[in-house]
């Protein structure tokens, strides 16, 4: 059995589609409203669950070949928001959920999605007490007893609460070491969370956003303009020796750099995926969760498709994220990419 554990916050998203961003102290009618469960890591797990084969769940033993788990803080177990989260993730285990008794409202995000400039403006609120380091240790240690586990374990951290994440990842490295069966990936998305640099230094895989790269590139080393490649190369001294670093660049695609000695270094880039058409490129429909989808594609590929190289993993995640942008939500995304000429056979093959 393999485990993919994602650690992060779950939000109840309210998405308001508007023709343009409203002026302050004005009224504007939305063209659409969608309310759905959100949160980076929950989105990622939802997409991974669609990519895994039907045979992942054994009907006789009621077990999963690859178990998906979400370590997150939720309101009271009786809360309607909690039940909505559970219902929205039917193939994700609830056993690592951290409930807050007496609380009935989950963290919430209100997303204003402008059609004019294709922008998203997010206002969020979280009334729940954050996960503690002690809660993290208490959740993980029984699942992965040190020295007694044989399963491959991948633990992915959303890049929030770095003052909590850092001691959590330090503890993981102390307990399970490097280059074993416990792998760690982290997301560095928001530039102001600078302590994430220290977390990234301990990870096997780091996902960087364009915003992060542009804010944290030392221009005395890398001459402007900043590119994904120049940023990743600038991070070589600050990440672990065998780290794989990935930087997404919005519609321009993504770049991955796998560290090793100079003879074995692997650098791959892909252009942003667009739907094939003879006439024009359709406009994006819903970019909310595109980054989470990209991470889902990479985690799936690294855990389930070990024969794939960096280039194939990057291309798959990039296309998966591109296809997500051209649909509302995530429903049906896995079936769509499984039905494509390029990926149908590789995804149907038994994982190696």
Foldseek 3Di string as FASTA:
>chain_A
DAEEEEEWFKAWEKEFEFQADDDPPDDGDTPDIDTAIDILQLQLLLQLVLLADPVQADPVVRHGPYAYEYQYEDEACPAPVNVRSCVSRVRHDPQNYHYHYPDRHAKYKYWYQHPNVRDIDIDIDGPDDGDALVSLCVRVCVVCPQPPDDHQYEYEYEPPPLVRLLVNLVVVCVRHNPPDRYFYEYEAEDQVSVSVLNVQQSHQEYEYEPNNQCNPDDCVQPPDPDDQVSSVVVCCVSHDQQHKYKYAHPQQAIKIWTHHPPVPIDIDTDGADFDDDPPDTDDFDDLVNLVSQLVSLLVCCVVFAVVDDPHVSRVRSRVLSNVPRRDPRNPPSSVVVCPDPVNVVVSPDGGD
